[in-house]
Amino acid sequence: EAHSGRIGVKSTPRVGSQFWFTLPLAHQNY
């Protein structure tokens, strides 16, 4: 959140979990 992103998790018991988060792209031409 300090990076202006978000974080969360999607999960199903006995199947697995997927953690996700967002990060800002650099504005300069990469």
PDB file of all heavy atoms in Angstrom:
ATOM      1  N   GLU A   1       0.823  -1.204   0.000  1.00  0.00           N
ATOM      2  CA  GLU A   1       0.000   0.000   0.000  1.00  0.00           C
ATOM      3  C   GLU A   1       0.864   1.264   0.000  1.00  0.00           C
ATOM      4  O   GLU A   1       0.460   2.291  -0.555  1.00  0.00           O
ATOM      5  CB  GLU A   1      -0.951  -0.007   1.195  1.00  0.00           C
ATOM      6  CG  GLU A   1      -2.056  -1.057   1.058  1.00  0.00           C
ATOM      7  CD  GLU A   1      -3.045  -1.050   2.214  1.00  0.00           C
ATOM      8  OE1 GLU A   1      -2.788  -0.322   3.196  1.00  0.00           O
ATOM      9  OE2 GLU A   1      -4.063  -1.764   2.122  1.00  0.00           O
ATOM     10  N   ALA A   2       2.047   1.210   0.607  1.00  0.00           N
ATOM     11  CA  ALA A   2       2.967   2.352   0.558  1.00  0.00           C
ATOM     12  C   ALA A   2       3.440   2.612  -0.867  1.00  0.00           C
ATOM     13  O   ALA A   2       3.789   3.741  -1.218  1.00  0.00           O
ATOM     14  CB  ALA A   2       4.168   2.099   1.464  1.00  0.00           C
ATOM     15  N   HIS A   3       3.423   1.563  -1.700  1.00  0.00           N
ATOM     16  CA  HIS A   3       3.761   1.704  -3.115  1.00  0.00           C
ATOM     17  C   HIS A   3       2.541   2.092  -3.962  1.00  0.00           C
ATOM     18  O   HIS A   3       2.619   2.078  -5.196  1.00  0.00           O
ATOM     19  CB  HIS A   3       4.321   0.381  -3.657  1.00  0.00           C
ATOM     20  CG  HIS A   3       5.750   0.121  -3.294  1.00  0.00           C
ATOM     21  ND1 HIS A   3       6.122  -0.461  -2.095  1.00  0.00           N
ATOM     22  CD2 HIS A   3       6.906   0.359  -3.966  1.00  0.00           C
ATOM     23  CE1 HIS A   3       7.447  -0.586  -2.060  1.00  0.00           C
ATOM     24  NE2 HIS A   3       7.938  -0.093  -3.173  1.00  0.00           N
ATOM     25  N   SER A   4       1.420   2.415  -3.299  1.00  0.00           N
ATOM     26  CA  SER A   4       0.152   2.733  -3.967  1.00  0.00           C
ATOM     27  C   SER A   4      -0.437   1.520  -4.669  1.00  0.00           C
ATOM     28  O   SER A   4      -1.184   1.652  -5.645  1.00  0.00           O
ATOM     29  CB  SER A   4       0.336   3.877  -4.981  1.00  0.00           C
ATOM     30  OG  SER A   4       0.813   5.039  -4.333  1.00  0.00           O
ATOM     31  N   GLY A   5      -0.121   0.332  -4.175  1.00  0.00           N
ATOM     32  CA  GLY A   5      -0.671  -0.889  -4.725  1.00  0.00           C
ATOM     33  C   GLY A   5      -1.701  -1.525  -3.815  1.00  0.00           C
ATOM     34  O   GLY A   5      -2.060  -0.972  -2.771  1.00  0.00           O
ATOM     35  N   ARG A   6      -2.187  -2.694  -4.219  1.00  0.00           N
ATOM     36  CA  ARG A   6      -3.149  -3.456  -3.435  1.00  0.00           C
ATOM     37  C   ARG A   6      -2.663  -4.891  -3.341  1.00  0.00           C
ATOM     38  O   ARG A   6      -1.878  -5.359  -4.174  1.00  0.00           O
ATOM     39  CB  ARG A   6      -4.540  -3.399  -4.087  1.00  0.00           C
ATOM     40  CG  ARG A   6      -5.134  -2.006  -4.164  1.00  0.00           C
ATOM     41  CD  ARG A   6      -6.390  -1.959  -5.025  1.00  0.00           C
ATOM     42  NE  ARG A   6      -7.414  -2.873  -4.521  1.00  0.00           N
ATOM     43  CZ  ARG A   6      -7.960  -3.842  -5.236  1.00  0.00           C
ATOM     44  NH1 ARG A   6      -7.580  -4.061  -6.491  1.00  0.00           N
ATOM     45  NH2 ARG A   6      -8.887  -4.626  -4.722  1.00  0.00           N
ATOM     46  N   ILE A   7      -3.146  -5.605  -2.321  1.00  0.00           N
ATOM     47  CA  ILE A   7      -2.736  -6.986  -2.116  1.00  0.00           C
ATOM     48  C   ILE A   7      -3.935  -7.802  -1.641  1.00  0.00           C
ATOM     49  O   ILE A   7      -4.822  -7.279  -0.954  1.00  0.00           O
ATOM     50  CB  ILE A   7      -1.580  -7.077  -1.090  1.00  0.00           C
ATOM     51  CG1 ILE A   7      -1.004  -8.496  -1.050  1.00  0.00           C
ATOM     52  CG2 ILE A   7      -2.024  -6.620   0.289  1.00  0.00           C
ATOM     53  CD1 ILE A   7       0.291  -8.591  -0.255  1.00  0.00           C
ATOM     54  N   GLY A   8      -3.975  -9.061  -2.009  1.00  0.00           N
ATOM     55  CA  GLY A   8      -5.072  -9.927  -1.591  1.00  0.00           C
ATOM     56  C   GLY A   8      -4.728 -11.378  -1.868  1.00  0.00           C
ATOM     57  O   GLY A   8      -3.614 -11.712  -2.291  1.00  0.00           O
ATOM     58  N   VAL A   9      -5.691 -12.254  -1.646  1.00  0.00           N
ATOM     59  CA  VAL A   9      -5.478 -13.679  -1.854  1.00  0.00           C
ATOM     60  C   VAL A   9      -6.779 -14.319  -2.326  1.00  0.00           C
ATOM     61  O   VAL A   9      -7.862 -13.944  -1.885  1.00  0.00           O
ATOM     62  CB  VAL A   9      -4.971 -14.366  -0.559  1.00  0.00           C
ATOM     63  CG1 VAL A   9      -5.982 -14.212   0.577  1.00  0.00           C
ATOM     64  CG2 VAL A   9      -4.658 -15.835  -0.801  1.00  0.00           C
ATOM     65  N   LYS A  10      -6.654 -15.262  -3.242  1.00  0.00           N
ATOM     66  CA  LYS A  10      -7.763 -16.108  -3.680  1.00  0.00           C
ATOM     67  C   LYS A  10      -7.382 -17.537  -3.321  1.00  0.00           C
ATOM     68  O   LYS A  10      -6.257 -17.968  -3.590  1.00  0.00           O
ATOM     69  CB  LYS A  10      -7.981 -15.978  -5.187  1.00  0.00           C
ATOM     70  CG  LYS A  10      -8.234 -14.553  -5.666  1.00  0.00           C
ATOM     71  CD  LYS A  10      -8.283 -14.496  -7.188  1.00  0.00           C
ATOM     72  CE  LYS A  10      -8.424 -13.071  -7.685  1.00  0.00           C
ATOM     73  NZ  LYS A  10      -8.393 -13.009  -9.178  1.00  0.00           N
ATOM     74  N   SER A  11      -8.311 -18.265  -2.725  1.00  0.00           N
ATOM     75  CA  SER A  11      -7.933 -19.593  -2.271  1.00  0.00           C
ATOM     76  C   SER A  11      -9.132 -20.525  -2.236  1.00  0.00           C
ATOM     77  O   SER A  11     -10.271 -20.092  -2.042  1.00  0.00           O
ATOM     78  CB  SER A  11      -7.302 -19.521  -0.875  1.00  0.00           C
ATOM     79  OG  SER A  11      -6.781 -20.769  -0.486  1.00  0.00           O
ATOM     80  N   THR A  12      -8.842 -21.804  -2.426  1.00  0.00           N
ATOM     81  CA  THR A  12      -9.838 -22.857  -2.335  1.00  0.00           C
ATOM     82  C   THR A  12      -9.281 -23.964  -1.450  1.00  0.00           C
ATOM     83  O   THR A  12      -8.180 -24.461  -1.719  1.00  0.00           O
ATOM     84  CB  THR A  12     -10.176 -23.443  -3.720  1.00  0.00           C
ATOM     85  OG1 THR A  12     -10.628 -22.395  -4.579  1.00  0.00           O
ATOM     86  CG2 THR A  12     -11.246 -24.508  -3.609  1.00  0.00           C
ATOM     87  N   PRO A  13     -10.002 -24.331  -0.381  1.00  0.00           N
ATOM     88  CA  PRO A  13      -9.509 -25.403   0.491  1.00  0.00           C
ATOM     89  C   PRO A  13      -9.194 -26.683  -0.280  1.00  0.00           C
ATOM     90  O   PRO A  13      -9.926 -27.082  -1.176  1.00  0.00           O
ATOM     91  CB  PRO A  13     -10.671 -25.611   1.472  1.00  0.00           C
ATOM     92  CG  PRO A  13     -11.380 -24.286   1.504  1.00  0.00           C
ATOM     93  CD  PRO A  13     -11.273 -23.750   0.111  1.00  0.00           C
ATOM     94  N   ARG A  14      -8.047 -27.274   0.032  1.00  0.00           N
ATOM     95  CA  ARG A  14      -7.566 -28.535  -0.547  1.00  0.00           C
ATOM     96  C   ARG A  14      -7.168 -28.406  -2.015  1.00  0.00           C
ATOM     97  O   ARG A  14      -6.897 -29.409  -2.664  1.00  0.00           O
ATOM     98  CB  ARG A  14      -8.593 -29.662  -0.377  1.00  0.00           C
ATOM     99  CG  ARG A  14      -8.906 -29.989   1.074  1.00  0.00           C
ATOM    100  CD  ARG A  14      -9.947 -31.091   1.178  1.00  0.00           C
ATOM    101  NE  ARG A  14     -11.215 -30.679   0.600  1.00  0.00           N
ATOM    102  CZ  ARG A  14     -12.106 -29.918   1.217  1.00  0.00           C
ATOM    103  NH1 ARG A  14     -11.883 -29.497   2.455  1.00  0.00           N
ATOM    104  NH2 ARG A  14     -13.236 -29.591   0.607  1.00  0.00           N
ATOM    105  N   VAL A  15      -7.133 -27.160  -2.518  1.00  0.00           N
ATOM    106  CA  VAL A  15      -6.721 -26.943  -3.910  1.00  0.00           C
ATOM    107  C   VAL A  15      -5.462 -26.073  -3.986  1.00  0.00           C
ATOM    108  O   VAL A  15      -4.527 -26.375  -4.723  1.00  0.00           O
ATOM    109  CB  VAL A  15      -7.856 -26.297  -4.728  1.00  0.00           C
ATOM    110  CG1 VAL A  15      -7.369 -25.951  -6.138  1.00  0.00           C
ATOM    111  CG2 VAL A  15      -9.055 -27.233  -4.799  1.00  0.00           C
ATOM    112  N   GLY A  16      -5.437 -24.992  -3.223  1.00  0.00           N
ATOM    113  CA  GLY A  16      -4.282 -24.109  -3.228  1.00  0.00           C
ATOM    114  C   GLY A  16      -4.673 -22.656  -3.071  1.00  0.00           C
ATOM    115  O   GLY A  16      -5.845 -22.313  -2.930  1.00  0.00           O
ATOM    116  N   SER A  17      -3.672 -21.791  -3.092  1.00  0.00           N
ATOM    117  CA  SER A  17      -3.884 -20.362  -2.902  1.00  0.00           C
ATOM    118  C   SER A  17      -3.151 -19.567  -3.974  1.00  0.00           C
ATOM    119  O   SER A  17      -2.123 -20.007  -4.503  1.00  0.00           O
ATOM    120  CB  SER A  17      -3.380 -19.918  -1.520  1.00  0.00           C
ATOM    121  OG  SER A  17      -4.042 -20.610  -0.479  1.00  0.00           O
ATOM    122  N   GLN A  18      -3.687 -18.403  -4.278  1.00  0.00           N
ATOM    123  CA  GLN A  18      -3.032 -17.470  -5.188  1.00  0.00           C
ATOM    124  C   GLN A  18      -2.991 -16.096  -4.525  1.00  0.00           C
ATOM    125  O   GLN A  18      -4.004 -15.437  -4.349  1.00  0.00           O
ATOM    126  CB  GLN A  18      -3.761 -17.376  -6.517  1.00  0.00           C
ATOM    127  CG  GLN A  18      -3.062 -16.461  -7.516  1.00  0.00           C
ATOM    128  CD  GLN A  18      -3.836 -16.264  -8.801  1.00  0.00           C
ATOM    129  OE1 GLN A  18      -4.774 -15.469  -8.857  1.00  0.00           O
ATOM    130  NE2 GLN A  18      -3.449 -16.988  -9.852  1.00  0.00           N
ATOM    131  N   PHE A  19      -1.798 -15.691  -4.130  1.00  0.00           N
ATOM    132  CA  PHE A  19      -1.601 -14.362  -3.568  1.00  0.00           C
ATOM    133  C   PHE A  19      -1.344 -13.400  -4.726  1.00  0.00           C
ATOM    134  O   PHE A  19      -0.601 -13.713  -5.658  1.00  0.00           O
ATOM    135  CB  PHE A  19      -0.411 -14.357  -2.614  1.00  0.00           C
ATOM    136  CG  PHE A  19      -0.647 -15.153  -1.356  1.00  0.00           C
ATOM    137  CD1 PHE A  19      -0.406 -16.519  -1.334  1.00  0.00           C
ATOM    138  CD2 PHE A  19      -1.124 -14.545  -0.210  1.00  0.00           C
ATOM    139  CE1 PHE A  19      -0.642 -17.263  -0.190  1.00  0.00           C
ATOM    140  CE2 PHE A  19      -1.358 -15.277   0.938  1.00  0.00           C
ATOM    141  CZ  PHE A  19      -1.118 -16.631   0.949  1.00  0.00           C
ATOM    142  N   TRP A  20      -1.959 -12.231  -4.674  1.00  0.00           N
ATOM    143  CA  TRP A  20      -1.786 -11.251  -5.738  1.00  0.00           C
ATOM    144  C   TRP A  20      -1.499  -9.874  -5.142  1.00  0.00           C
ATOM    145  O   TRP A  20      -1.925  -9.560  -4.035  1.00  0.00           O
ATOM    146  CB  TRP A  20      -3.034 -11.182  -6.636  1.00  0.00           C
ATOM    147  CG  TRP A  20      -4.287 -10.751  -5.914  1.00  0.00           C
ATOM    148  CD1 TRP A  20      -5.217 -11.552  -5.310  1.00  0.00           C
ATOM    149  CD2 TRP A  20      -4.723  -9.396  -5.677  1.00  0.00           C
ATOM    150  NE1 TRP A  20      -6.202 -10.797  -4.738  1.00  0.00           N
ATOM    151  CE2 TRP A  20      -5.926  -9.475  -4.950  1.00  0.00           C
ATOM    152  CE3 TRP A  20      -4.206  -8.150  -6.020  1.00  0.00           C
ATOM    153  CZ2 TRP A  20      -6.616  -8.329  -4.549  1.00  0.00           C
ATOM    154  CZ3 TRP A  20      -4.898  -7.002  -5.628  1.00  0.00           C
ATOM    155  CH2 TRP A  20      -6.088  -7.104  -4.905  1.00  0.00           C
ATOM    156  N   PHE A  21      -0.748  -9.087  -5.868  1.00  0.00           N
ATOM    157  CA  PHE A  21      -0.504  -7.705  -5.463  1.00  0.00           C
ATOM    158  C   PHE A  21      -0.134  -6.893  -6.692  1.00  0.00           C
ATOM    159  O   PHE A  21       0.305  -7.435  -7.720  1.00  0.00           O
ATOM    160  CB  PHE A  21       0.592  -7.611  -4.395  1.00  0.00           C
ATOM    161  CG  PHE A  21       1.900  -8.234  -4.774  1.00  0.00           C
ATOM    162  CD1 PHE A  21       2.896  -7.498  -5.405  1.00  0.00           C
ATOM    163  CD2 PHE A  21       2.153  -9.566  -4.483  1.00  0.00           C
ATOM    164  CE1 PHE A  21       4.103  -8.072  -5.753  1.00  0.00           C
ATOM    165  CE2 PHE A  21       3.359 -10.158  -4.808  1.00  0.00           C
ATOM    166  CZ  PHE A  21       4.345  -9.409  -5.449  1.00  0.00           C
ATOM    167  N   THR A  22      -0.343  -5.586  -6.597  1.00  0.00           N
ATOM    168  CA  THR A  22      -0.054  -4.695  -7.713  1.00  0.00           C
ATOM    169  C   THR A  22       1.047  -3.711  -7.336  1.00  0.00           C
ATOM    170  O   THR A  22       1.172  -3.305  -6.174  1.00  0.00           O
ATOM    171  CB  THR A  22      -1.315  -3.907  -8.130  1.00  0.00           C
ATOM    172  OG1 THR A  22      -1.805  -3.136  -7.016  1.00  0.00           O
ATOM    173  CG2 THR A  22      -2.405  -4.856  -8.600  1.00  0.00           C
ATOM    174  N   LEU A  23       1.835  -3.340  -8.334  1.00  0.00           N
ATOM    175  CA  LEU A  23       2.935  -2.392  -8.149  1.00  0.00           C
ATOM    176  C   LEU A  23       2.925  -1.405  -9.316  1.00  0.00           C
ATOM    177  O   LEU A  23       2.613  -1.780 -10.456  1.00  0.00           O
ATOM    178  CB  LEU A  23       4.276  -3.126  -8.112  1.00  0.00           C
ATOM    179  CG  LEU A  23       4.505  -4.048  -6.906  1.00  0.00           C
ATOM    180  CD1 LEU A  23       5.671  -4.982  -7.173  1.00  0.00           C
ATOM    181  CD2 LEU A  23       4.753  -3.213  -5.653  1.00  0.00           C
ATOM    182  N   PRO A  24       3.292  -0.149  -9.056  1.00  0.00           N
ATOM    183  CA  PRO A  24       3.249   0.856 -10.125  1.00  0.00           C
ATOM    184  C   PRO A  24       4.380   0.661 -11.133  1.00  0.00           C
ATOM    185  O   PRO A  24       5.509   0.310 -10.772  1.00  0.00           O
ATOM    186  CB  PRO A  24       3.404   2.175  -9.363  1.00  0.00           C
ATOM    187  CG  PRO A  24       4.175   1.805  -8.136  1.00  0.00           C
ATOM    188  CD  PRO A  24       3.695   0.426  -7.757  1.00  0.00           C
ATOM    189  N   LEU A  25       4.059   0.888 -12.401  1.00  0.00           N
ATOM    190  CA  LEU A  25       5.076   0.849 -13.441  1.00  0.00           C
ATOM    191  C   LEU A  25       5.900   2.125 -13.402  1.00  0.00           C
ATOM    192  O   LEU A  25       5.412   3.197 -13.028  1.00  0.00           O
ATOM    193  CB  LEU A  25       4.425   0.698 -14.810  1.00  0.00           C
ATOM    194  CG  LEU A  25       3.619  -0.584 -15.065  1.00  0.00           C
ATOM    195  CD1 LEU A  25       2.946  -0.505 -16.424  1.00  0.00           C
ATOM    196  CD2 LEU A  25       4.494  -1.821 -14.971  1.00  0.00           C
ATOM    197  N   ALA A  26       7.161   2.015 -13.780  1.00  0.00           N
ATOM    198  CA  ALA A  26       7.997   3.206 -13.927  1.00  0.00           C
ATOM    199  C   ALA A  26       7.501   4.006 -15.125  1.00  0.00           C
ATOM    200  O   ALA A  26       7.085   3.438 -16.129  1.00  0.00           O
ATOM    201  CB  ALA A  26       9.460   2.806 -14.105  1.00  0.00           C
ATOM    202  N   HIS A  27       7.567   5.305 -15.029  1.00  0.00           N
ATOM    203  CA  HIS A  27       7.012   6.145 -16.088  1.00  0.00           C
ATOM    204  C   HIS A  27       7.942   6.269 -17.282  1.00  0.00           C
ATOM    205  O   HIS A  27       7.505   6.520 -18.398  1.00  0.00           O
ATOM    206  CB  HIS A  27       6.710   7.544 -15.540  1.00  0.00           C
ATOM    207  CG  HIS A  27       5.619   7.550 -14.505  1.00  0.00           C
ATOM    208  ND1 HIS A  27       4.339   7.131 -14.771  1.00  0.00           N
ATOM    209  CD2 HIS A  27       5.635   7.913 -13.199  1.00  0.00           C
ATOM    210  CE1 HIS A  27       3.600   7.239 -13.679  1.00  0.00           C
ATOM    211  NE2 HIS A  27       4.358   7.703 -12.718  1.00  0.00           N
ATOM    212  N   GLN A  28       9.260   6.106 -17.065  1.00  0.00           N
ATOM    213  CA  GLN A  28      10.205   6.256 -18.159  1.00  0.00           C
ATOM    214  C   GLN A  28      10.105   5.092 -19.128  1.00  0.00           C
ATOM    215  O   GLN A  28       9.603   4.031 -18.795  1.00  0.00           O
ATOM    216  CB  GLN A  28      11.639   6.347 -17.623  1.00  0.00           C
ATOM    217  CG  GLN A  28      11.866   7.518 -16.675  1.00  0.00           C
ATOM    218  CD  GLN A  28      11.628   7.126 -15.231  1.00  0.00           C
ATOM    219  OE1 GLN A  28      10.883   6.191 -14.963  1.00  0.00           O
ATOM    220  NE2 GLN A  28      12.261   7.824 -14.325  1.00  0.00           N
ATOM    221  N   ASN A  29      10.601   5.333 -20.323  1.00  0.00           N
ATOM    222  CA  ASN A  29      10.645   4.272 -21.324  1.00  0.00           C
ATOM    223  C   ASN A  29      11.586   3.176 -20.852  1.00  0.00           C
ATOM    224  O   ASN A  29      12.761   3.404 -20.610  1.00  0.00           O
ATOM    225  CB  ASN A  29      11.145   4.836 -22.662  1.00  0.00           C
ATOM    226  CG  ASN A  29      11.099   3.788 -23.768  1.00  0.00           C
ATOM    227  OD1 ASN A  29      11.880   2.848 -23.783  1.00  0.00           O
ATOM    228  ND2 ASN A  29      10.176   3.989 -24.696  1.00  0.00           N
ATOM    229  N   TYR A  30      11.064   1.965 -20.682  1.00  0.00           N
ATOM    230  CA  TYR A  30      11.847   0.917 -20.030  1.00  0.00           C
ATOM    231  C   TYR A  30      13.029   0.462 -20.880  1.00  0.00           C
ATOM    232  O   TYR A  30      14.031  -0.004 -20.346  1.00  0.00           O
ATOM    233  CB  TYR A  30      10.955  -0.264 -19.647  1.00  0.00           C
ATOM    234  CG  TYR A  30      10.519  -1.157 -20.780  1.00  0.00           C
ATOM    235  CD1 TYR A  30      11.253  -2.276 -21.134  1.00  0.00           C
ATOM    236  CD2 TYR A  30       9.345  -0.902 -21.469  1.00  0.00           C
ATOM    237  CE1 TYR A  30      10.831  -3.107 -22.161  1.00  0.00           C
ATOM    238  CE2 TYR A  30       8.922  -1.734 -22.494  1.00  0.00           C
ATOM    239  CZ  TYR A  30       9.667  -2.838 -22.828  1.00  0.00           C
ATOM    240  OH  TYR A  30       9.252  -3.647 -23.838  1.00  0.00           O
TER     241      TYR A  30
END
